[in-house]
C-alpha cells in the first residue's frame, strides 16, 4: 500500500503495518491516526485516499469500505465518507460497524436526529452482553 514514501522504507513499512491493523479491526483510533500521519508526513494524503478507494472498489469488503470512509472523513469529505460507510453496510449487513461509523459521523456533524436511529441499528446487531452494546445504549440515553 505504501508506495508513495520516496524511499523511506521505514515509513512505508509502518504505514503498511497500520493498514493491516485497520483491515483486521476497522475502527477509528490509533491505527487510523498513525496511518494518516505517516501519509501526511510525506505530503501524500491524497494518494492515501486514492489507494483506499481503489482497495475498497477492488475487494468490495466491509473493512476496506470502512477504511475508505475513515480516511475520507479525516480529509473532511463527509458526504463521500457516508457513502463509503453505506457501502460497508451493503458488504456486511449483519455488522454493527458500518452503522456505528455512520452514527458517529452524524453525531460529529451535530445531527442527533440522524445519529440516533443509526446507533439503534448498530445496537440491534450486537449481542446483549457485548460491551459495545452498553456504550451505544448510553449514547442513545436508554441504558
Foldseek 3Di string as FASTA:
>chain_A
DQPLQVPPVVLSVLLVVLLVVCLVPVDDDDSLVSNCVSCVVSVHLVVVLVVLVVVCVVPLELSSLSSNLVSCVVVVVLVSSLVSLVSSCVRPVLALVSLQSNLVSCVVVVNNVRNLVSLVSSLVSDDPPDPVNVVSCVVNVND
